[in-house]
N, C-alpha and C. Protein backbone atom coordinates (compact mmCIF):
# COMPACT_ATOMS: atom_id res chain seq x y z
N UNK A 1 -22.33 -41.63 88.13
CA UNK A 1 -21.32 -41.78 87.20
C UNK A 1 -20.29 -40.96 87.72
N UNK A 2 -18.99 -42.16 87.60
CA UNK A 2 -17.26 -41.60 88.27
C UNK A 2 -16.73 -40.90 87.69
N UNK A 3 -15.40 -40.43 87.78
CA UNK A 3 -14.95 -39.27 87.46
C UNK A 3 -13.98 -39.07 86.15
N UNK A 4 -13.54 -38.66 85.44
CA UNK A 4 -13.55 -39.25 84.50
C UNK A 4 -11.24 -39.61 84.85
N UNK A 5 -11.21 -40.66 83.85
CA UNK A 5 -9.46 -40.41 83.80
C UNK A 5 -8.65 -40.09 83.08
N UNK A 6 -7.42 -39.96 82.99
CA UNK A 6 -6.65 -40.24 81.83
C UNK A 6 -6.08 -41.37 81.61
N UNK A 7 -6.60 -41.62 80.64
CA UNK A 7 -6.32 -42.87 79.85
C UNK A 7 -4.83 -42.89 79.63
N UNK A 8 -3.34 -42.34 79.54
CA UNK A 8 -2.21 -42.66 79.90
C UNK A 8 -2.08 -42.42 81.13
N UNK A 9 -2.66 -41.76 82.26
CA UNK A 9 -1.62 -41.45 83.41
C UNK A 9 -2.71 -42.49 84.58
N UNK A 10 -4.22 -42.97 83.60
CA UNK A 10 -4.70 -43.34 84.99
C UNK A 10 -5.40 -42.49 86.28
N UNK A 11 -4.67 -41.58 85.87
CA UNK A 11 -5.25 -40.18 87.02
C UNK A 11 -6.24 -39.73 86.70
N UNK A 12 -6.91 -38.92 88.09
CA UNK A 12 -8.27 -38.60 87.60
C UNK A 12 -7.99 -37.22 87.36
N UNK A 13 -8.65 -36.70 85.62
CA UNK A 13 -8.47 -35.53 84.93
C UNK A 13 -8.86 -33.95 85.54
N UNK A 14 -9.67 -34.53 86.51
CA UNK A 14 -9.79 -32.91 87.53
C UNK A 14 -8.28 -32.54 88.17
N UNK A 15 -7.77 -33.60 88.98
CA UNK A 15 -6.37 -33.22 89.83
C UNK A 15 -5.18 -33.05 88.66
N UNK A 16 -5.07 -33.63 87.04
CA UNK A 16 -4.33 -33.55 86.38
C UNK A 16 -4.99 -31.96 85.83
N UNK A 17 -5.96 -31.11 85.91
CA UNK A 17 -5.65 -29.91 85.51
C UNK A 17 -5.55 -29.00 86.54
N UNK A 18 -5.54 -29.88 87.59
CA UNK A 18 -5.12 -29.05 88.96
C UNK A 18 -4.07 -28.75 88.67
N UNK A 19 -3.08 -30.05 88.72
CA UNK A 19 -1.58 -29.72 88.58
C UNK A 19 -1.10 -28.76 87.76
N UNK A 20 -1.68 -28.92 86.29
CA UNK A 20 -1.45 -27.54 85.56
C UNK A 20 -1.03 -26.41 85.75
N UNK A 21 -2.45 -26.03 86.55
CA UNK A 21 -2.98 -24.43 86.64
C UNK A 21 -1.70 -24.25 87.68
N UNK A 22 -1.37 -24.98 89.31
CA UNK A 22 -0.50 -24.13 89.53
C UNK A 22 0.82 -24.84 89.73
N UNK A 23 1.66 -25.48 88.00
CA UNK A 23 2.41 -25.83 87.61
C UNK A 23 2.34 -24.71 87.21
N UNK A 24 1.64 -23.42 86.14
CA UNK A 24 2.01 -22.62 85.27
C UNK A 24 1.61 -21.26 85.97
N UNK A 25 1.35 -21.23 87.48
CA UNK A 25 1.55 -20.43 88.41
C UNK A 25 2.57 -20.26 89.03
N UNK A 26 3.31 -21.53 89.16
CA UNK A 26 4.68 -21.16 89.96
C UNK A 26 5.59 -20.71 88.90
N UNK A 27 5.80 -20.93 87.36
CA UNK A 27 6.01 -20.93 86.32
C UNK A 27 5.86 -18.90 86.49
N UNK A 28 4.65 -19.07 86.38
CA UNK A 28 4.39 -17.30 86.45
C UNK A 28 5.41 -16.52 87.50
N UNK A 29 4.96 -16.75 88.44
CA UNK A 29 5.76 -16.23 89.72
C UNK A 29 7.68 -16.39 89.60
N UNK A 30 8.00 -17.66 89.15
CA UNK A 30 8.86 -17.23 88.95
C UNK A 30 10.23 -16.49 87.88
N UNK A 31 9.22 -16.23 86.88
CA UNK A 31 9.26 -15.76 86.02
C UNK A 31 9.45 -14.18 86.05
N UNK A 32 8.79 -13.87 87.27
CA UNK A 32 8.05 -12.19 87.56
C UNK A 32 9.39 -12.40 88.65
N UNK A 33 9.38 -12.75 89.25
CA UNK A 33 10.93 -12.96 90.47
C UNK A 33 12.40 -12.60 89.53
N UNK A 34 12.34 -13.60 88.48
CA UNK A 34 13.67 -13.29 87.26
C UNK A 34 13.88 -11.89 87.08
N UNK A 35 12.16 -11.56 86.81
CA UNK A 35 12.17 -10.27 85.74
C UNK A 35 12.36 -8.82 86.86
N UNK A 36 12.57 -9.45 88.39
CA UNK A 36 12.75 -8.05 89.45
C UNK A 36 13.94 -8.46 89.35
N UNK A 37 14.57 -9.50 89.55
CA UNK A 37 15.85 -9.71 89.77
C UNK A 37 16.87 -9.20 88.56
N UNK A 38 16.13 -9.29 87.56
CA UNK A 38 17.09 -8.32 86.04
C UNK A 38 16.49 -7.18 85.91
N UNK A 39 15.60 -6.59 86.42
CA UNK A 39 15.63 -5.31 86.54
C UNK A 39 16.20 -4.86 87.62
N UNK A 40 16.45 -4.97 88.36
CA UNK A 40 17.77 -4.74 90.04
C UNK A 40 19.05 -4.72 89.11
N UNK A 41 18.98 -5.87 88.35
CA UNK A 41 20.83 -5.77 87.75
C UNK A 41 21.42 -5.23 87.14
N UNK A 42 20.20 -5.15 86.32
CA UNK A 42 20.34 -3.27 84.97
C UNK A 42 20.31 -1.94 85.85
N UNK A 43 20.06 -1.61 86.32
CA UNK A 43 20.34 -0.58 87.96
C UNK A 43 21.11 -0.54 88.25
N UNK A 44 21.95 -1.54 88.44
CA UNK A 44 23.59 -2.05 88.48
C UNK A 44 24.51 -1.63 87.85
N UNK A 45 25.55 -0.80 87.77
CA UNK A 45 26.42 -0.23 87.41
C UNK A 45 27.16 -1.88 86.34
N UNK A 46 27.56 -3.29 87.21
CA UNK A 46 28.42 -4.17 86.54
C UNK A 46 26.38 -4.92 85.51
N UNK A 47 25.27 -4.25 85.88
CA UNK A 47 24.02 -4.95 84.94
C UNK A 47 24.49 -4.24 84.15
N UNK A 48 24.75 -2.61 83.61
CA UNK A 48 24.67 -2.05 83.07
C UNK A 48 25.86 -2.05 81.89
N UNK A 49 26.86 -2.35 82.48
CA UNK A 49 28.72 -2.87 81.78
C UNK A 49 28.20 -4.23 81.34
N UNK A 50 27.66 -5.22 81.53
CA UNK A 50 27.40 -6.24 80.81
C UNK A 50 26.73 -6.46 80.00
N UNK A 51 25.55 -5.17 79.72
CA UNK A 51 24.73 -5.52 78.77
C UNK A 51 25.28 -4.93 77.32
N UNK A 52 25.80 -3.60 77.95
CA UNK A 52 26.47 -3.18 76.93
C UNK A 52 27.55 -3.47 76.43
N UNK A 53 28.43 -4.87 77.11
CA UNK A 53 29.75 -5.45 76.19
C UNK A 53 28.56 -5.97 75.23
N UNK A 54 27.70 -7.27 75.88
CA UNK A 54 27.67 -8.15 75.53
C UNK A 54 26.72 -7.36 73.52
N UNK A 55 26.38 -6.37 74.10
CA UNK A 55 25.49 -5.19 72.69
C UNK A 55 26.62 -5.41 71.95
N UNK A 56 28.04 -5.34 72.39
CA UNK A 56 29.03 -4.36 71.09
C UNK A 56 28.96 -5.94 70.79
N UNK A 57 29.57 -6.77 71.18
CA UNK A 57 29.82 -7.85 70.91
C UNK A 57 28.89 -8.33 69.56
N UNK A 58 27.42 -8.57 70.10
CA UNK A 58 26.49 -8.83 69.05
C UNK A 58 25.98 -7.99 67.76
N UNK A 59 26.38 -6.94 68.44
CA UNK A 59 26.44 -5.92 66.84
C UNK A 59 28.09 -6.14 66.29
N UNK A 60 29.26 -6.73 67.04
CA UNK A 60 30.29 -7.40 65.86
C UNK A 60 29.74 -8.06 64.77
N UNK A 61 29.31 -8.84 65.78
CA UNK A 61 29.16 -10.69 65.30
C UNK A 61 27.89 -10.26 64.36
N UNK A 62 27.24 -9.66 64.51
CA UNK A 62 25.76 -9.63 63.03
C UNK A 62 26.72 -8.90 62.20
N UNK A 63 27.21 -7.54 62.46
CA UNK A 63 28.16 -7.35 61.47
C UNK A 63 28.65 -8.02 60.38
N UNK A 64 29.71 -9.02 60.52
CA UNK A 64 30.33 -9.92 59.83
C UNK A 64 29.12 -11.04 59.93
N UNK A 65 28.52 -11.39 60.07
CA UNK A 65 28.01 -12.71 59.40
C UNK A 65 27.03 -11.73 58.24
N UNK A 66 26.38 -10.36 58.67
CA UNK A 66 26.38 -9.71 57.04
C UNK A 66 27.23 -9.76 56.20
N UNK A 67 28.72 -9.17 56.74
CA UNK A 67 29.65 -8.52 55.38
C UNK A 67 30.44 -10.46 55.05
N UNK A 68 30.29 -11.26 55.53
CA UNK A 68 30.29 -12.84 54.98
C UNK A 68 29.08 -13.32 54.12
N UNK A 69 27.84 -12.48 53.74
CA UNK A 69 26.51 -13.02 53.01
C UNK A 69 26.53 -12.18 52.31
N UNK A 70 26.51 -12.86 50.67
CA UNK A 70 26.25 -11.90 49.76
C UNK A 70 25.42 -11.12 49.15
N UNK A 71 24.47 -12.34 49.60
CA UNK A 71 23.43 -11.17 50.01
C UNK A 71 22.68 -10.25 50.46
N UNK A 72 23.29 -10.67 51.77
CA UNK A 72 22.63 -9.09 52.62
C UNK A 72 24.01 -8.23 52.42
N UNK A 73 24.79 -8.95 51.79
CA UNK A 73 25.44 -7.33 51.53
C UNK A 73 25.03 -6.88 50.40
N UNK A 74 24.89 -7.03 49.57
CA UNK A 74 24.21 -7.02 48.58
C UNK A 74 23.50 -5.49 49.21
N UNK A 75 21.73 -6.25 49.84
CA UNK A 75 21.47 -5.37 50.53
C UNK A 75 21.77 -4.02 50.68
N UNK A 76 22.32 -4.38 51.79
CA UNK A 76 23.24 -3.25 52.32
C UNK A 76 23.68 -2.08 51.61
N UNK A 77 24.31 -2.91 50.61
CA UNK A 77 25.28 -1.95 49.63
C UNK A 77 23.93 -1.19 49.17
N UNK A 78 22.63 -1.79 48.20
CA UNK A 78 21.45 -1.21 47.89
C UNK A 78 21.50 -0.23 48.76
N UNK A 79 21.11 -0.27 50.13
CA UNK A 79 20.49 0.85 50.73
C UNK A 79 21.40 2.68 50.89
N UNK A 80 22.45 1.62 51.01
CA UNK A 80 23.40 2.49 50.89
C UNK A 80 24.08 3.38 49.76
N UNK A 81 23.26 2.95 48.86
CA UNK A 81 23.47 3.75 47.57
C UNK A 81 22.44 4.81 47.54
N UNK A 82 21.03 3.99 47.74
CA UNK A 82 19.20 5.02 47.64
C UNK A 82 19.75 5.85 48.81
N UNK A 83 20.99 5.52 49.70
CA UNK A 83 21.24 6.73 50.55
C UNK A 83 20.32 6.38 52.11
N UNK A 84 20.84 5.66 51.69
CA UNK A 84 19.60 5.25 53.58
C UNK A 84 21.10 4.29 54.12
N UNK A 85 21.26 5.14 55.16
CA UNK A 85 22.03 4.94 56.54
C UNK A 85 21.01 3.90 57.47
N UNK A 86 21.85 2.76 57.09
CA UNK A 86 21.58 1.51 58.06
C UNK A 86 23.41 1.21 59.50
N UNK A 87 22.96 0.78 60.44
CA UNK A 87 23.72 0.08 61.20
C UNK A 87 22.92 -1.27 61.62
N UNK A 88 22.89 -2.38 60.77
CA UNK A 88 22.03 -3.22 61.02
C UNK A 88 22.85 -4.19 62.44
N UNK A 89 24.42 -4.54 62.49
CA UNK A 89 24.27 -5.13 63.08
C UNK A 89 24.07 -4.64 64.89
N UNK A 90 24.39 -3.00 64.96
CA UNK A 90 23.78 -1.93 66.23
C UNK A 90 22.08 -2.51 66.21
N UNK A 91 21.38 -1.90 65.22
CA UNK A 91 20.34 -2.09 64.99
C UNK A 91 19.53 -3.37 65.63
N UNK A 92 20.31 -4.23 65.03
CA UNK A 92 20.08 -5.59 65.51
C UNK A 92 19.99 -6.54 66.95
N UNK A 93 21.28 -6.23 67.20
CA UNK A 93 21.44 -6.26 68.68
C UNK A 93 20.23 -5.31 69.71
N UNK A 94 20.54 -4.06 69.61
CA UNK A 94 19.34 -3.32 70.12
C UNK A 94 17.89 -3.94 70.33
N UNK A 95 17.69 -4.34 68.93
CA UNK A 95 16.25 -4.88 69.16
C UNK A 95 16.45 -6.38 69.94
N UNK A 96 17.07 -6.73 69.68
CA UNK A 96 17.15 -7.96 70.33
C UNK A 96 17.16 -8.01 71.91
N UNK A 97 18.33 -7.52 72.72
CA UNK A 97 18.49 -7.29 73.62
C UNK A 97 16.90 -6.50 74.54
N UNK A 98 16.28 -5.42 73.62
CA UNK A 98 15.28 -5.06 73.78
C UNK A 98 14.01 -5.64 74.15
N UNK A 99 14.22 -6.93 73.33
CA UNK A 99 12.81 -7.79 73.08
C UNK A 99 12.89 -8.77 74.57
N UNK A 100 14.62 -9.31 74.66
CA UNK A 100 14.50 -10.24 75.79
C UNK A 100 14.35 -9.52 76.90
N UNK A 101 14.94 -8.38 77.32
CA UNK A 101 14.44 -7.41 77.94
C UNK A 101 12.84 -7.76 78.77
N UNK A 102 12.07 -7.16 77.83
CA UNK A 102 10.76 -6.84 77.15
C UNK A 102 10.19 -7.79 78.25
N UNK A 103 10.55 -9.14 77.16
CA UNK A 103 9.75 -10.35 77.69
C UNK A 103 10.22 -10.95 79.35
N UNK A 104 11.20 -10.53 79.61
CA UNK A 104 11.95 -10.92 81.09
C UNK A 104 10.62 -10.71 81.72
N UNK A 105 10.76 -9.03 81.77
CA UNK A 105 10.34 -8.18 82.76
C UNK A 105 8.38 -8.25 82.46
N UNK A 106 7.87 -8.76 81.50
CA UNK A 106 7.11 -9.00 81.45
C UNK A 106 6.60 -10.51 81.80
N UNK A 107 7.20 -11.18 82.19
CA UNK A 107 6.92 -12.67 82.91
C UNK A 107 6.70 -13.75 82.64
N UNK A 108 7.31 -12.75 80.90
CA UNK A 108 7.39 -14.72 79.56
C UNK A 108 8.08 -15.62 79.78
N UNK A 109 9.11 -14.97 80.15
CA UNK A 109 10.30 -16.00 80.75
C UNK A 109 11.31 -16.84 81.67
């Protein structure tokens, strides 16, 4: 019995599987390299300044969005009334940056 063929491409299935494995390996290697470059950049003064600047801008933007959203503003007001101190913009900016940096360093990007 002959090798199985992909009906869309007419190519042998085994060849397509090998191509996908190779592509995945290349993508993973590229992601790791990007992560290493990012790690190195963040250790430099310019990288730290960039992250700080983006964090400040993102914090400001999130705070503006919350302020302009009646429902979100009501939730923030309620939390403040019961004594919960929260810096939504700062917290969200830090979470977003931390998540993105982790994904890059883990090779998921």
